[in-house]
Amino acid sequence: MEVDQWKEPNKVIFRQGGHSDYYYVILKGTVKIEQISDSFLNVKDMTPVVKRTCYDGDQFGALS
């Protein structure tokens, strides 16, 4: 995966309930991990809650 494709601000990496194919390491910058309560998943314009903010060197994602 090319690093340059992730430089776009506010790019969605994957959505809640979706499948993540990768394990991510933040080289430079920040990533917000947001969640919407399960009872509000189908409500449009629902503001998500930031569960975690990742910074340089932080990691997230799932390993199979």
PDB file of N, CA and C in Angstrom:
ATOM      1  N   MET A   1       0.851  -1.175   0.000  1.00  0.00           N
ATOM      2  CA  MET A   1       0.000   0.000   0.000  1.00  0.00           C
ATOM      3  C   MET A   1       0.895   1.235   0.000  1.00  0.00           C
ATOM      4  N   GLU A   2       0.573   2.172  -0.849  1.00  0.00           N
ATOM      5  CA  GLU A   2       1.366   3.389  -0.966  1.00  0.00           C
ATOM      6  C   GLU A   2       1.075   4.346   0.188  1.00  0.00           C
ATOM      7  N   VAL A   3       2.122   4.880   0.778  1.00  0.00           N
ATOM      8  CA  VAL A   3       1.984   5.822   1.890  1.00  0.00           C
ATOM      9  C   VAL A   3       1.302   7.102   1.430  1.00  0.00           C
ATOM     10  N   ASP A   4       1.594   7.556   0.223  1.00  0.00           N
ATOM     11  CA  ASP A   4       1.049   8.826  -0.274  1.00  0.00           C
ATOM     12  C   ASP A   4      -0.475   8.856  -0.305  1.00  0.00           C
ATOM     13  N   GLN A   5      -1.126   7.726  -0.509  1.00  0.00           N
ATOM     14  CA  GLN A   5      -2.588   7.736  -0.589  1.00  0.00           C
ATOM     15  C   GLN A   5      -3.241   8.061   0.747  1.00  0.00           C
ATOM     16  N   TRP A   6      -2.498   8.003   1.842  1.00  0.00           N
ATOM     17  CA  TRP A   6      -3.063   8.289   3.164  1.00  0.00           C
ATOM     18  C   TRP A   6      -2.790   9.722   3.611  1.00  0.00           C
ATOM     19  N   LYS A   7      -2.168  10.524   2.783  1.00  0.00           N
ATOM     20  CA  LYS A   7      -1.843  11.905   3.160  1.00  0.00           C
ATOM     21  C   LYS A   7      -3.035  12.844   3.056  1.00  0.00           C
ATOM     22  N   GLU A   8      -4.083  12.421   2.387  1.00  0.00           N
ATOM     23  CA  GLU A   8      -5.271  13.256   2.217  1.00  0.00           C
ATOM     24  C   GLU A   8      -5.955  13.469   3.561  1.00  0.00           C
ATOM     25  N   PRO A   9      -6.181  14.741   3.959  1.00  0.00           N
ATOM     26  CA  PRO A   9      -6.844  15.005   5.243  1.00  0.00           C
ATOM     27  C   PRO A   9      -8.261  14.424   5.277  1.00  0.00           C
ATOM     28  N   ASN A  10      -8.664  13.936   6.414  1.00  0.00           N
ATOM     29  CA  ASN A  10     -10.010  13.411   6.659  1.00  0.00           C
ATOM     30  C   ASN A  10     -10.363  12.198   5.801  1.00  0.00           C
ATOM     31  N   LYS A  11      -9.370  11.468   5.340  1.00  0.00           N
ATOM     32  CA  LYS A  11      -9.623  10.259   4.555  1.00  0.00           C
ATOM     33  C   LYS A  11     -10.103   9.147   5.484  1.00  0.00           C
ATOM     34  N   VAL A  12     -11.164   8.466   5.090  1.00  0.00           N
ATOM     35  CA  VAL A  12     -11.686   7.331   5.863  1.00  0.00           C
ATOM     36  C   VAL A  12     -10.879   6.092   5.480  1.00  0.00           C
ATOM     37  N   ILE A  13     -10.304   5.435   6.476  1.00  0.00           N
ATOM     38  CA  ILE A  13      -9.511   4.235   6.233  1.00  0.00           C
ATOM     39  C   ILE A  13     -10.425   3.022   6.167  1.00  0.00           C
ATOM     40  N   PHE A  14     -11.308   2.891   7.145  1.00  0.00           N
ATOM     41  CA  PHE A  14     -12.381   1.896   7.086  1.00  0.00           C
ATOM     42  C   PHE A  14     -13.486   2.349   8.012  1.00  0.00           C
ATOM     43  N   ARG A  15     -14.681   1.850   7.787  1.00  0.00           N
ATOM     44  CA  ARG A  15     -15.856   2.268   8.543  1.00  0.00           C
ATOM     45  C   ARG A  15     -16.231   1.249   9.611  1.00  0.00           C
ATOM     46  N   GLN A  16     -16.905   1.737  10.617  1.00  0.00           N
ATOM     47  CA  GLN A  16     -17.362   0.906  11.720  1.00  0.00           C
ATOM     48  C   GLN A  16     -18.183  -0.256  11.176  1.00  0.00           C
ATOM     49  N   GLY A  17     -17.880  -1.439  11.644  1.00  0.00           N
ATOM     50  CA  GLY A  17     -18.577  -2.636  11.199  1.00  0.00           C
ATOM     51  C   GLY A  17     -17.979  -3.238   9.948  1.00  0.00           C
ATOM     52  N   GLY A  18     -17.086  -2.491   9.307  1.00  0.00           N
ATOM     53  CA  GLY A  18     -16.427  -2.990   8.102  1.00  0.00           C
ATOM     54  C   GLY A  18     -15.232  -3.856   8.455  1.00  0.00           C
ATOM     55  N   HIS A  19     -14.579  -4.333   7.447  1.00  0.00           N
ATOM     56  CA  HIS A  19     -13.436  -5.221   7.629  1.00  0.00           C
ATOM     57  C   HIS A  19     -12.146  -4.456   7.337  1.00  0.00           C
ATOM     58  N   SER A  20     -11.192  -4.565   8.213  1.00  0.00           N
ATOM     59  CA  SER A  20      -9.881  -3.961   8.002  1.00  0.00           C
ATOM     60  C   SER A  20      -8.932  -5.042   7.503  1.00  0.00           C
ATOM     61  N   ASP A  21      -8.299  -4.790   6.374  1.00  0.00           N
ATOM     62  CA  ASP A  21      -7.382  -5.774   5.797  1.00  0.00           C
ATOM     63  C   ASP A  21      -5.944  -5.607   6.268  1.00  0.00           C
ATOM     64  N   TYR A  22      -5.682  -4.580   7.039  1.00  0.00           N
ATOM     65  CA  TYR A  22      -4.300  -4.252   7.380  1.00  0.00           C
ATOM     66  C   TYR A  22      -4.132  -3.962   8.868  1.00  0.00           C
ATOM     67  N   TYR A  23      -2.883  -3.977   9.275  1.00  0.00           N
ATOM     68  CA  TYR A  23      -2.465  -3.513  10.591  1.00  0.00           C
ATOM     69  C   TYR A  23      -1.697  -2.225  10.313  1.00  0.00           C
ATOM     70  N   TYR A  24      -2.075  -1.129  10.926  1.00  0.00           N
ATOM     71  CA  TYR A  24      -1.547   0.191  10.585  1.00  0.00           C
ATOM     72  C   TYR A  24      -0.560   0.694  11.627  1.00  0.00           C
ATOM     73  N   VAL A  25       0.502   1.334  11.151  1.00  0.00           N
ATOM     74  CA  VAL A  25       1.478   2.017  11.995  1.00  0.00           C
ATOM     75  C   VAL A  25       1.543   3.452  11.493  1.00  0.00           C
ATOM     76  N   ILE A  26       1.337   4.417  12.392  1.00  0.00           N
ATOM     77  CA  ILE A  26       1.365   5.822  12.012  1.00  0.00           C
ATOM     78  C   ILE A  26       2.814   6.274  11.938  1.00  0.00           C
ATOM     79  N   LEU A  27       3.277   6.606  10.732  1.00  0.00           N
ATOM     80  CA  LEU A  27       4.649   7.092  10.559  1.00  0.00           C
ATOM     81  C   LEU A  27       4.739   8.560  10.935  1.00  0.00           C
ATOM     82  N   LYS A  28       3.759   9.341  10.472  1.00  0.00           N
ATOM     83  CA  LYS A  28       3.746  10.763  10.768  1.00  0.00           C
ATOM     84  C   LYS A  28       2.318  11.258  10.628  1.00  0.00           C
ATOM     85  N   GLY A  29       1.845  11.981  11.623  1.00  0.00           N
ATOM     86  CA  GLY A  29       0.496  12.527  11.562  1.00  0.00           C
ATOM     87  C   GLY A  29      -0.382  11.963  12.659  1.00  0.00           C
ATOM     88  N   THR A  30      -1.687  12.073  12.463  1.00  0.00           N
ATOM     89  CA  THR A  30      -2.646  11.579  13.445  1.00  0.00           C
ATOM     90  C   THR A  30      -3.785  10.851  12.754  1.00  0.00           C
ATOM     91  N   VAL A  31      -4.382   9.935  13.485  1.00  0.00           N
ATOM     92  CA  VAL A  31      -5.569   9.209  13.041  1.00  0.00           C
ATOM     93  C   VAL A  31      -6.549   9.189  14.201  1.00  0.00           C
ATOM     94  N   LYS A  32      -7.786   9.575  13.932  1.00  0.00           N
ATOM     95  CA  LYS A  32      -8.827   9.496  14.958  1.00  0.00           C
ATOM     96  C   LYS A  32      -9.625   8.212  14.737  1.00  0.00           C
ATOM     97  N   ILE A  33      -9.817   7.463  15.813  1.00  0.00           N
ATOM     98  CA  ILE A  33     -10.669   6.277  15.763  1.00  0.00           C
ATOM     99  C   ILE A  33     -11.979   6.668  16.428  1.00  0.00           C
ATOM    100  N   GLU A  34     -13.042   6.675  15.623  1.00  0.00           N
ATOM    101  CA  GLU A  34     -14.345   7.146  16.084  1.00  0.00           C
ATOM    102  C   GLU A  34     -15.349   6.005  16.102  1.00  0.00           C
ATOM    103  N   GLN A  35     -16.353   6.145  16.961  1.00  0.00           N
ATOM    104  CA  GLN A  35     -17.382   5.114  17.070  1.00  0.00           C
ATOM    105  C   GLN A  35     -18.739   5.775  17.274  1.00  0.00           C
ATOM    106  N   ILE A  36     -19.750   5.189  16.629  1.00  0.00           N
ATOM    107  CA  ILE A  36     -21.138   5.584  16.852  1.00  0.00           C
ATOM    108  C   ILE A  36     -21.796   4.447  17.609  1.00  0.00           C
ATOM    109  N   SER A  37     -22.585   4.770  18.617  1.00  0.00           N
ATOM    110  CA  SER A  37     -23.290   3.753  19.391  1.00  0.00           C
ATOM    111  C   SER A  37     -24.083   2.849  18.453  1.00  0.00           C
ATOM    112  N   ASP A  38     -24.074   1.545  18.700  1.00  0.00           N
ATOM    113  CA  ASP A  38     -24.781   0.582  17.855  1.00  0.00           C
ATOM    114  C   ASP A  38     -26.242   0.946  17.644  1.00  0.00           C
ATOM    115  N   SER A  39     -26.878   1.543  18.639  1.00  0.00           N
ATOM    116  CA  SER A  39     -28.293   1.890  18.513  1.00  0.00           C
ATOM    117  C   SER A  39     -28.515   3.078  17.572  1.00  0.00           C
ATOM    118  N   PHE A  40     -27.452   3.778  17.181  1.00  0.00           N
ATOM    119  CA  PHE A  40     -27.580   4.932  16.291  1.00  0.00           C
ATOM    120  C   PHE A  40     -26.889   4.723  14.945  1.00  0.00           C
ATOM    121  N   LEU A  41     -26.468   3.499  14.630  1.00  0.00           N
ATOM    122  CA  LEU A  41     -25.712   3.259  13.402  1.00  0.00           C
ATOM    123  C   LEU A  41     -26.468   3.671  12.142  1.00  0.00           C
ATOM    124  N   ASN A  42     -27.780   3.545  12.126  1.00  0.00           N
ATOM    125  CA  ASN A  42     -28.564   3.853  10.927  1.00  0.00           C
ATOM    126  C   ASN A  42     -29.118   5.270  10.926  1.00  0.00           C
ATOM    127  N   VAL A  43     -28.727   6.096  11.891  1.00  0.00           N
ATOM    128  CA  VAL A  43     -29.195   7.475  11.963  1.00  0.00           C
ATOM    129  C   VAL A  43     -28.223   8.361  11.187  1.00  0.00           C
ATOM    130  N   LYS A  44     -28.730   9.071  10.194  1.00  0.00           N
ATOM    131  CA  LYS A  44     -27.870   9.966   9.415  1.00  0.00           C
ATOM    132  C   LYS A  44     -27.476  11.171  10.267  1.00  0.00           C
ATOM    133  N   ASP A  45     -26.328  11.708   9.993  1.00  0.00           N
ATOM    134  CA  ASP A  45     -25.805  12.905  10.656  1.00  0.00           C
ATOM    135  C   ASP A  45     -25.568  12.704  12.146  1.00  0.00           C
ATOM    136  N   MET A  46     -25.354  11.471  12.583  1.00  0.00           N
ATOM    137  CA  MET A  46     -25.039  11.200  13.982  1.00  0.00           C
ATOM    138  C   MET A  46     -23.551  11.472  14.194  1.00  0.00           C
ATOM    139  N   THR A  47     -23.211  12.286  15.167  1.00  0.00           N
ATOM    140  CA  THR A  47     -21.819  12.636  15.438  1.00  0.00           C
ATOM    141  C   THR A  47     -21.131  11.491  16.182  1.00  0.00           C
ATOM    142  N   PRO A  48     -20.036  10.973  15.624  1.00  0.00           N
ATOM    143  CA  PRO A  48     -19.325   9.890  16.312  1.00  0.00           C
ATOM    144  C   PRO A  48     -18.529  10.420  17.499  1.00  0.00           C
ATOM    145  N   VAL A  49     -18.190   9.515  18.398  1.00  0.00           N
ATOM    146  CA  VAL A  49     -17.372   9.827  19.565  1.00  0.00           C
ATOM    147  C   VAL A  49     -15.946   9.375  19.258  1.00  0.00           C
ATOM    148  N   VAL A  50     -14.969  10.230  19.515  1.00  0.00           N
ATOM    149  CA  VAL A  50     -13.573   9.857  19.309  1.00  0.00           C
ATOM    150  C   VAL A  50     -13.170   8.924  20.449  1.00  0.00           C
ATOM    151  N   LYS A  51     -12.859   7.685  20.104  1.00  0.00           N
ATOM    152  CA  LYS A  51     -12.479   6.679  21.103  1.00  0.00           C
ATOM    153  C   LYS A  51     -10.977   6.691  21.370  1.00  0.00           C
ATOM    154  N   ARG A  52     -10.212   7.084  20.348  1.00  0.00           N
ATOM    155  CA  ARG A  52      -8.755   7.106  20.488  1.00  0.00           C
ATOM    156  C   ARG A  52      -8.176   7.981  19.389  1.00  0.00           C
ATOM    157  N   THR A  53      -7.099   8.670  19.699  1.00  0.00           N
ATOM    158  CA  THR A  53      -6.342   9.406  18.690  1.00  0.00           C
ATOM    159  C   THR A  53      -4.947   8.804  18.648  1.00  0.00           C
ATOM    160  N   CYS A  54      -4.527   8.400  17.464  1.00  0.00           N
ATOM    161  CA  CYS A  54      -3.217   7.782  17.285  1.00  0.00           C
ATOM    162  C   CYS A  54      -2.247   8.812  16.722  1.00  0.00           C
ATOM    163  N   TYR A  55      -1.016   8.764  17.204  1.00  0.00           N
ATOM    164  CA  TYR A  55       0.032   9.696  16.791  1.00  0.00           C
ATOM    165  C   TYR A  55       1.228   8.920  16.244  1.00  0.00           C
ATOM    166  N   ASP A  56       2.266   9.649  15.850  1.00  0.00           N
ATOM    167  CA  ASP A  56       3.481   9.035  15.309  1.00  0.00           C
ATOM    168  C   ASP A  56       3.905   7.821  16.145  1.00  0.00           C
ATOM    169  N   GLY A  57       4.093   6.680  15.466  1.00  0.00           N
ATOM    170  CA  GLY A  57       4.537   5.459  16.144  1.00  0.00           C
ATOM    171  C   GLY A  57       3.430   4.609  16.706  1.00  0.00           C
ATOM    172  N   ASP A  58       2.222   5.129  16.831  1.00  0.00           N
ATOM    173  CA  ASP A  58       1.110   4.327  17.342  1.00  0.00           C
ATOM    174  C   ASP A  58       0.665   3.313  16.286  1.00  0.00           C
ATOM    175  N   GLN A  59      -0.023   2.274  16.747  1.00  0.00           N
ATOM    176  CA  GLN A  59      -0.473   1.201  15.882  1.00  0.00           C
ATOM    177  C   GLN A  59      -1.934   0.896  16.151  1.00  0.00           C
ATOM    178  N   PHE A  60      -2.644   0.440  15.118  1.00  0.00           N
ATOM    179  CA  PHE A  60      -4.020  -0.004  15.289  1.00  0.00           C
ATOM    180  C   PHE A  60      -4.386  -0.944  14.157  1.00  0.00           C
ATOM    181  N   GLY A  61      -5.478  -1.639  14.321  1.00  0.00           N
ATOM    182  CA  GLY A  61      -5.939  -2.601  13.317  1.00  0.00           C
ATOM    183  C   GLY A  61      -5.948  -3.980  13.917  1.00  0.00           C
ATOM    184  N   ALA A  62      -6.299  -4.943  13.110  1.00  0.00           N
ATOM    185  CA  ALA A  62      -6.400  -6.328  13.589  1.00  0.00           C
ATOM    186  C   ALA A  62      -5.480  -7.227  12.793  1.00  0.00           C
ATOM    187  N   LEU A  63      -4.921  -8.172  13.470  1.00  0.00           N
ATOM    188  CA  LEU A  63      -4.115  -9.191  12.809  1.00  0.00           C
ATOM    189  C   LEU A  63      -4.916 -10.480  12.755  1.00  0.00           C
ATOM    190  N   SER A  64      -4.904 -11.127  11.609  1.00  0.00           N
ATOM    191  CA  SER A  64      -5.649 -12.388  11.469  1.00  0.00           C
ATOM    192  C   SER A  64      -4.912 -13.511  12.153  1.00  0.00           C
TER     193      SER A  64
END
